[in-house]
């Protein structure tokens, strides 16, 4: 009976990648490319249909990046039984309530994103022990709302992002000032992503 119940549970879940090896590698490469070229849009096409409000792009990144050694933190909007079940089943990752413990944080309500300082910044010896934020936006386009410079950016690069917390510019400035500690961010929108590693400096912020 237990085996039948488990089989039914798996059947009730929305499917993950059709070809996990190929698709997860493609998403991983897209994410690494975005981090290497900060504030530049990169395509991210996926056929995933995860339970709402988890977006296909957030789901694809989670499935490609998270595993049993990389705990996930979900914002309040994503903490539904369906989303929890989908992510734990397809990634094997443990869900944590502590943002300081998370390897990856999934944010569906960008305007209510916690302060970046709430997440693990790593330390000077192990800066990689930090949280990477995966944030779903309604607007993710080239623009000059926020302009950045730093490694991987020839002169400067700008993004138009919405919605975001009112003091997000200050938060980005503080995050960069803590380098090599700090969080990395991957923004998503339908069919595309853009990244801001902690090494990127926002212009106009001391």
C-alpha atoms as a PDB file:
ATOM      1  CA  UNK A   1       0.000   0.000   0.000  1.00  0.00           C
ATOM      2  CA  UNK A   2       2.855   2.385   0.793  1.00  0.00           C
ATOM      3  CA  UNK A   3       4.395   1.768  -2.622  1.00  0.00           C
ATOM      4  CA  UNK A   4       1.080   2.441  -4.339  1.00  0.00           C
ATOM      5  CA  UNK A   5       0.656   5.678  -2.394  1.00  0.00           C
ATOM      6  CA  UNK A   6       4.150   6.801  -3.388  1.00  0.00           C
ATOM      7  CA  UNK A   7       3.472   5.991  -7.040  1.00  0.00           C
ATOM      8  CA  UNK A   8       0.249   8.001  -6.925  1.00  0.00           C
ATOM      9  CA  UNK A   9       2.064  10.898  -5.267  1.00  0.00           C
ATOM     10  CA  UNK A  10       4.652  10.942  -8.064  1.00  0.00           C
ATOM     11  CA  UNK A  11       1.934  10.818 -10.719  1.00  0.00           C
ATOM     12  CA  UNK A  12       0.096  13.753  -9.132  1.00  0.00           C
ATOM     13  CA  UNK A  13       3.189  15.981  -9.267  1.00  0.00           C
ATOM     14  CA  UNK A  14       3.881  18.199 -12.244  1.00  0.00           C
ATOM     15  CA  UNK A  15       6.736  16.659 -14.241  1.00  0.00           C
ATOM     16  CA  UNK A  16      10.305  17.896 -14.092  1.00  0.00           C
ATOM     17  CA  UNK A  17      12.783  17.921 -16.957  1.00  0.00           C
ATOM     18  CA  UNK A  18      11.967  15.470 -19.746  1.00  0.00           C
ATOM     19  CA  UNK A  19      15.701  14.750 -20.109  1.00  0.00           C
ATOM     20  CA  UNK A  20      17.207  15.714 -16.780  1.00  0.00           C
ATOM     21  CA  UNK A  21      20.862  15.432 -17.831  1.00  0.00           C
ATOM     22  CA  UNK A  22      20.627  17.507 -20.998  1.00  0.00           C
ATOM     23  CA  UNK A  23      18.140  20.112 -19.778  1.00  0.00           C
ATOM     24  CA  UNK A  24      19.753  20.681 -16.395  1.00  0.00           C
ATOM     25  CA  UNK A  25      23.135  21.161 -18.072  1.00  0.00           C
ATOM     26  CA  UNK A  26      21.636  23.689 -20.482  1.00  0.00           C
ATOM     27  CA  UNK A  27      20.051  25.668 -17.638  1.00  0.00           C
ATOM     28  CA  UNK A  28      23.268  25.491 -15.613  1.00  0.00           C
ATOM     29  CA  UNK A  29      25.289  26.842 -18.551  1.00  0.00           C
ATOM     30  CA  UNK A  30      22.798  29.655 -19.087  1.00  0.00           C
ATOM     31  CA  UNK A  31      23.055  30.608 -15.416  1.00  0.00           C
ATOM     32  CA  UNK A  32      26.870  30.529 -15.411  1.00  0.00           C
ATOM     33  CA  UNK A  33      26.942  32.572 -18.617  1.00  0.00           C
ATOM     34  CA  UNK A  34      24.640  35.158 -17.038  1.00  0.00           C
ATOM     35  CA  UNK A  35      26.872  35.407 -13.961  1.00  0.00           C
ATOM     36  CA  UNK A  36      29.953  35.787 -16.158  1.00  0.00           C
ATOM     37  CA  UNK A  37      28.274  38.620 -18.103  1.00  0.00           C
ATOM     38  CA  UNK A  38      26.492  40.615 -15.411  1.00  0.00           C
ATOM     39  CA  UNK A  39      23.414  42.707 -16.181  1.00  0.00           C
ATOM     40  CA  UNK A  40      23.065  41.197 -19.659  1.00  0.00           C
ATOM     41  CA  UNK A  41      19.940  39.314 -20.678  1.00  0.00           C
ATOM     42  CA  UNK A  42      20.340  35.659 -21.539  1.00  0.00           C
ATOM     43  CA  UNK A  43      17.664  33.361 -22.975  1.00  0.00           C
ATOM     44  CA  UNK A  44      16.233  30.644 -20.744  1.00  0.00           C
ATOM     45  CA  UNK A  45      13.619  28.550 -22.488  1.00  0.00           C
ATOM     46  CA  UNK A  46      11.964  25.732 -20.595  1.00  0.00           C
ATOM     47  CA  UNK A  47       8.995  23.489 -21.134  1.00  0.00           C
ATOM     48  CA  UNK A  48       8.341  23.098 -17.415  1.00  0.00           C
ATOM     49  CA  UNK A  49       4.829  23.702 -16.078  1.00  0.00           C
ATOM     50  CA  UNK A  50       5.363  23.821 -12.301  1.00  0.00           C
ATOM     51  CA  UNK A  51       2.612  24.483  -9.759  1.00  0.00           C
ATOM     52  CA  UNK A  52       1.763  28.174  -9.454  1.00  0.00           C
ATOM     53  CA  UNK A  53       3.053  30.561  -8.285  1.00  0.00           C
ATOM     54  CA  UNK A  54       6.405  28.892  -9.051  1.00  0.00           C
ATOM     55  CA  UNK A  55       7.428  30.176 -12.480  1.00  0.00           C
ATOM     56  CA  UNK A  56       8.970  27.916 -15.135  1.00  0.00           C
ATOM     57  CA  UNK A  57      12.234  29.867 -14.935  1.00  0.00           C
ATOM     58  CA  UNK A  58      12.512  29.608 -11.141  1.00  0.00           C
ATOM     59  CA  UNK A  59      11.656  25.925 -11.375  1.00  0.00           C
ATOM     60  CA  UNK A  60      14.273  25.295 -14.064  1.00  0.00           C
ATOM     61  CA  UNK A  61      17.002  27.022 -12.055  1.00  0.00           C
ATOM     62  CA  UNK A  62      16.053  25.143  -8.899  1.00  0.00           C
ATOM     63  CA  UNK A  63      16.034  21.786 -10.680  1.00  0.00           C
ATOM     64  CA  UNK A  64      19.408  22.506 -12.287  1.00  0.00           C
ATOM     65  CA  UNK A  65      21.182  23.954  -9.245  1.00  0.00           C
ATOM     66  CA  UNK A  66      19.730  22.500  -6.050  1.00  0.00           C
ATOM     67  CA  UNK A  67      20.376  19.079  -4.567  1.00  0.00           C
ATOM     68  CA  UNK A  68      20.478  17.331  -1.200  1.00  0.00           C
ATOM     69  CA  UNK A  69      23.531  19.381  -0.191  1.00  0.00           C
ATOM     70  CA  UNK A  70      22.018  22.733  -1.210  1.00  0.00           C
ATOM     71  CA  UNK A  71      19.073  23.772   1.004  1.00  0.00           C
ATOM     72  CA  UNK A  72      16.322  25.905  -0.491  1.00  0.00           C
ATOM     73  CA  UNK A  73      14.572  28.864   1.116  1.00  0.00           C
ATOM     74  CA  UNK A  74      11.168  29.865  -0.263  1.00  0.00           C
ATOM     75  CA  UNK A  75       9.471  33.218   0.163  1.00  0.00           C
ATOM     76  CA  UNK A  76       5.989  33.373   1.647  1.00  0.00           C
ATOM     77  CA  UNK A  77       4.255  33.260  -1.733  1.00  0.00           C
ATOM     78  CA  UNK A  78       5.962  29.982  -2.658  1.00  0.00           C
ATOM     79  CA  UNK A  79       5.300  28.148   0.592  1.00  0.00           C
ATOM     80  CA  UNK A  80       2.371  26.120  -0.703  1.00  0.00           C
ATOM     81  CA  UNK A  81       2.135  22.342  -0.277  1.00  0.00           C
ATOM     82  CA  UNK A  82       2.224  21.883  -4.048  1.00  0.00           C
ATOM     83  CA  UNK A  83       5.369  23.966  -4.576  1.00  0.00           C
ATOM     84  CA  UNK A  84       7.113  22.375  -1.610  1.00  0.00           C
ATOM     85  CA  UNK A  85       6.325  18.879  -2.856  1.00  0.00           C
ATOM     86  CA  UNK A  86       7.395  19.688  -6.406  1.00  0.00           C
ATOM     87  CA  UNK A  87      10.773  21.090  -5.368  1.00  0.00           C
ATOM     88  CA  UNK A  88      11.652  18.467  -2.800  1.00  0.00           C
ATOM     89  CA  UNK A  89      10.684  15.611  -5.142  1.00  0.00           C
ATOM     90  CA  UNK A  90      12.497  16.905  -8.229  1.00  0.00           C
ATOM     91  CA  UNK A  91      15.611  18.337  -6.542  1.00  0.00           C
ATOM     92  CA  UNK A  92      16.085  16.235  -3.411  1.00  0.00           C
ATOM     93  CA  UNK A  93      16.872  19.490  -1.614  1.00  0.00           C
ATOM     94  CA  UNK A  94      15.898  20.186   1.953  1.00  0.00           C
ATOM     95  CA  UNK A  95      13.686  23.210   2.529  1.00  0.00           C
ATOM     96  CA  UNK A  96      14.847  25.535   5.277  1.00  0.00           C
ATOM     97  CA  UNK A  97      13.058  28.324   7.127  1.00  0.00           C
ATOM     98  CA  UNK A  98      16.389  30.029   7.887  1.00  0.00           C
ATOM     99  CA  UNK A  99      17.613  32.293   5.052  1.00  0.00           C
ATOM    100  CA  UNK A 100      21.129  32.191   6.521  1.00  0.00           C
ATOM    101  CA  UNK A 101      21.188  28.426   5.927  1.00  0.00           C
ATOM    102  CA  UNK A 102      20.009  28.523   2.318  1.00  0.00           C
ATOM    103  CA  UNK A 103      22.231  27.812  -0.659  1.00  0.00           C
ATOM    104  CA  UNK A 104      19.474  29.134  -2.914  1.00  0.00           C
ATOM    105  CA  UNK A 105      16.529  31.407  -2.146  1.00  0.00           C
ATOM    106  CA  UNK A 106      13.515  31.426  -4.462  1.00  0.00           C
ATOM    107  CA  UNK A 107      11.618  34.722  -4.537  1.00  0.00           C
ATOM    108  CA  UNK A 108       8.263  34.978  -6.333  1.00  0.00           C
ATOM    109  CA  UNK A 109       7.164  38.219  -4.635  1.00  0.00           C
ATOM    110  CA  UNK A 110      10.066  40.456  -5.630  1.00  0.00           C
ATOM    111  CA  UNK A 111       8.628  43.616  -4.084  1.00  0.00           C
ATOM    112  CA  UNK A 112       8.610  41.884  -0.690  1.00  0.00           C
ATOM    113  CA  UNK A 113      12.078  40.344  -1.032  1.00  0.00           C
ATOM    114  CA  UNK A 114      13.839  40.371   2.346  1.00  0.00           C
ATOM    115  CA  UNK A 115      16.879  42.571   2.750  1.00  0.00           C
ATOM    116  CA  UNK A 116      19.870  41.019   1.008  1.00  0.00           C
ATOM    117  CA  UNK A 117      21.707  41.105   4.342  1.00  0.00           C
ATOM    118  CA  UNK A 118      19.201  38.539   5.652  1.00  0.00           C
ATOM    119  CA  UNK A 119      20.882  35.816   3.606  1.00  0.00           C
ATOM    120  CA  UNK A 120      24.195  34.037   4.077  1.00  0.00           C
ATOM    121  CA  UNK A 121      27.089  36.196   2.797  1.00  0.00           C
ATOM    122  CA  UNK A 122      29.771  33.526   3.136  1.00  0.00           C
ATOM    123  CA  UNK A 123      33.013  34.558   4.781  1.00  0.00           C
ATOM    124  CA  UNK A 124      36.448  35.760   3.706  1.00  0.00           C
ATOM    125  CA  UNK A 125      37.851  32.206   3.737  1.00  0.00           C
ATOM    126  CA  UNK A 126      34.830  30.565   2.097  1.00  0.00           C
ATOM    127  CA  UNK A 127      32.937  33.249   0.156  1.00  0.00           C
ATOM    128  CA  UNK A 128      31.184  30.524  -1.831  1.00  0.00           C
ATOM    129  CA  UNK A 129      29.220  29.557   1.280  1.00  0.00           C
ATOM    130  CA  UNK A 130      26.674  32.205   0.482  1.00  0.00           C
ATOM    131  CA  UNK A 131      23.108  32.319  -0.749  1.00  0.00           C
ATOM    132  CA  UNK A 132      22.253  32.786  -4.402  1.00  0.00           C
ATOM    133  CA  UNK A 133      18.910  34.551  -4.810  1.00  0.00           C
ATOM    134  CA  UNK A 134      16.653  33.518  -7.696  1.00  0.00           C
ATOM    135  CA  UNK A 135      14.103  36.306  -8.159  1.00  0.00           C
ATOM    136  CA  UNK A 136      11.105  36.318 -10.508  1.00  0.00           C
ATOM    137  CA  UNK A 137      10.266  39.729 -11.962  1.00  0.00           C
ATOM    138  CA  UNK A 138       7.461  41.131 -14.054  1.00  0.00           C
ATOM    139  CA  UNK A 139       9.890  43.379 -15.933  1.00  0.00           C
ATOM    140  CA  UNK A 140      13.424  42.405 -16.906  1.00  0.00           C
ATOM    141  CA  UNK A 141      14.769  44.457 -19.800  1.00  0.00           C
ATOM    142  CA  UNK A 142      17.809  46.441 -20.867  1.00  0.00           C
ATOM    143  CA  UNK A 143      17.561  49.933 -19.440  1.00  0.00           C
ATOM    144  CA  UNK A 144      19.048  52.497 -17.121  1.00  0.00           C
ATOM    145  CA  UNK A 145      17.003  52.058 -13.950  1.00  0.00           C
ATOM    146  CA  UNK A 146      20.090  50.457 -12.405  1.00  0.00           C
ATOM    147  CA  UNK A 147      23.528  50.723 -14.023  1.00  0.00           C
ATOM    148  CA  UNK A 148      26.478  48.530 -13.088  1.00  0.00           C
ATOM    149  CA  UNK A 149      30.181  48.174 -13.639  1.00  0.00           C
ATOM    150  CA  UNK A 150      32.715  45.552 -12.628  1.00  0.00           C
ATOM    151  CA  UNK A 151      34.227  42.260 -13.808  1.00  0.00           C
ATOM    152  CA  UNK A 152      32.567  40.917 -16.946  1.00  0.00           C
ATOM    153  CA  UNK A 153      31.213  44.372 -17.916  1.00  0.00           C
ATOM    154  CA  UNK A 154      33.213  46.229 -20.588  1.00  0.00           C
ATOM    155  CA  UNK A 155      32.139  49.747 -19.615  1.00  0.00           C
ATOM    156  CA  UNK A 156      28.768  49.686 -17.907  1.00  0.00           C
ATOM    157  CA  UNK A 157      25.508  47.768 -18.242  1.00  0.00           C
ATOM    158  CA  UNK A 158      21.996  48.722 -17.225  1.00  0.00           C
ATOM    159  CA  UNK A 159      18.785  46.923 -16.396  1.00  0.00           C
ATOM    160  CA  UNK A 160      15.159  47.903 -16.010  1.00  0.00           C
ATOM    161  CA  UNK A 161      13.725  45.768 -13.207  1.00  0.00           C
ATOM    162  CA  UNK A 162      10.297  45.677 -11.587  1.00  0.00           C
ATOM    163  CA  UNK A 163       8.981  45.232  -9.040  1.00  0.00           C
ATOM    164  CA  UNK A 164      11.717  45.669  -6.450  1.00  0.00           C
ATOM    165  CA  UNK A 165      11.863  46.840  -2.818  1.00  0.00           C
ATOM    166  CA  UNK A 166      12.082  50.602  -2.442  1.00  0.00           C
ATOM    167  CA  UNK A 167      15.602  50.521  -0.996  1.00  0.00           C
ATOM    168  CA  UNK A 168      16.995  47.844  -3.309  1.00  0.00           C
ATOM    169  CA  UNK A 169      19.608  50.234  -4.708  1.00  0.00           C
ATOM    170  CA  UNK A 170      21.025  50.735  -1.194  1.00  0.00           C
ATOM    171  CA  UNK A 171      20.973  46.984  -0.594  1.00  0.00           C
ATOM    172  CA  UNK A 172      22.940  46.316  -3.777  1.00  0.00           C
ATOM    173  CA  UNK A 173      25.509  48.914  -2.780  1.00  0.00           C
ATOM    174  CA  UNK A 174      25.954  47.335   0.656  1.00  0.00           C
ATOM    175  CA  UNK A 175      26.166  43.865  -0.860  1.00  0.00           C
ATOM    176  CA  UNK A 176      28.989  44.896  -3.191  1.00  0.00           C
ATOM    177  CA  UNK A 177      30.800  46.747  -0.405  1.00  0.00           C
ATOM    178  CA  UNK A 178      31.076  43.453   1.519  1.00  0.00           C
ATOM    179  CA  UNK A 179      32.979  41.752  -1.344  1.00  0.00           C
ATOM    180  CA  UNK A 180      34.310  39.022  -1.402  1.00  0.00           C
ATOM    181  CA  UNK A 181      31.414  38.233   0.921  1.00  0.00           C
ATOM    182  CA  UNK A 182      27.866  38.855  -0.244  1.00  0.00           C
ATOM    183  CA  UNK A 183      25.068  37.225  -2.183  1.00  0.00           C
ATOM    184  CA  UNK A 184      24.719  36.655  -5.918  1.00  0.00           C
ATOM    185  CA  UNK A 185      21.404  37.319  -7.680  1.00  0.00           C
ATOM    186  CA  UNK A 186      19.774  35.790 -10.744  1.00  0.00           C
ATOM    187  CA  UNK A 187      16.720  37.665 -11.996  1.00  0.00           C
ATOM    188  CA  UNK A 188      14.162  35.828 -14.120  1.00  0.00           C
ATOM    189  CA  UNK A 189      11.281  36.748 -16.388  1.00  0.00           C
ATOM    190  CA  UNK A 190       9.460  34.697 -19.017  1.00  0.00           C
ATOM    191  CA  UNK A 191      12.080  33.214 -21.329  1.00  0.00           C
ATOM    192  CA  UNK A 192      15.098  35.089 -19.958  1.00  0.00           C
ATOM    193  CA  UNK A 193      17.447  35.674 -17.053  1.00  0.00           C
ATOM    194  CA  UNK A 194      20.073  38.217 -16.002  1.00  0.00           C
ATOM    195  CA  UNK A 195      22.525  37.981 -13.131  1.00  0.00           C
ATOM    196  CA  UNK A 196      24.218  40.303 -10.670  1.00  0.00           C
ATOM    197  CA  UNK A 197      27.159  38.702  -8.893  1.00  0.00           C
ATOM    198  CA  UNK A 198      28.399  40.416  -5.742  1.00  0.00           C
ATOM    199  CA  UNK A 199      31.383  41.725  -7.730  1.00  0.00           C
ATOM    200  CA  UNK A 200      29.093  44.043  -9.730  1.00  0.00           C
ATOM    201  CA  UNK A 201      29.066  47.620  -8.456  1.00  0.00           C
ATOM    202  CA  UNK A 202      25.948  49.721  -8.852  1.00  0.00           C
ATOM    203  CA  UNK A 203      26.800  53.186 -10.118  1.00  0.00           C
ATOM    204  CA  UNK A 204      25.617  56.179  -8.157  1.00  0.00           C
ATOM    205  CA  UNK A 205      25.860  54.445  -4.765  1.00  0.00           C
ATOM    206  CA  UNK A 206      28.725  55.244  -2.441  1.00  0.00           C
END
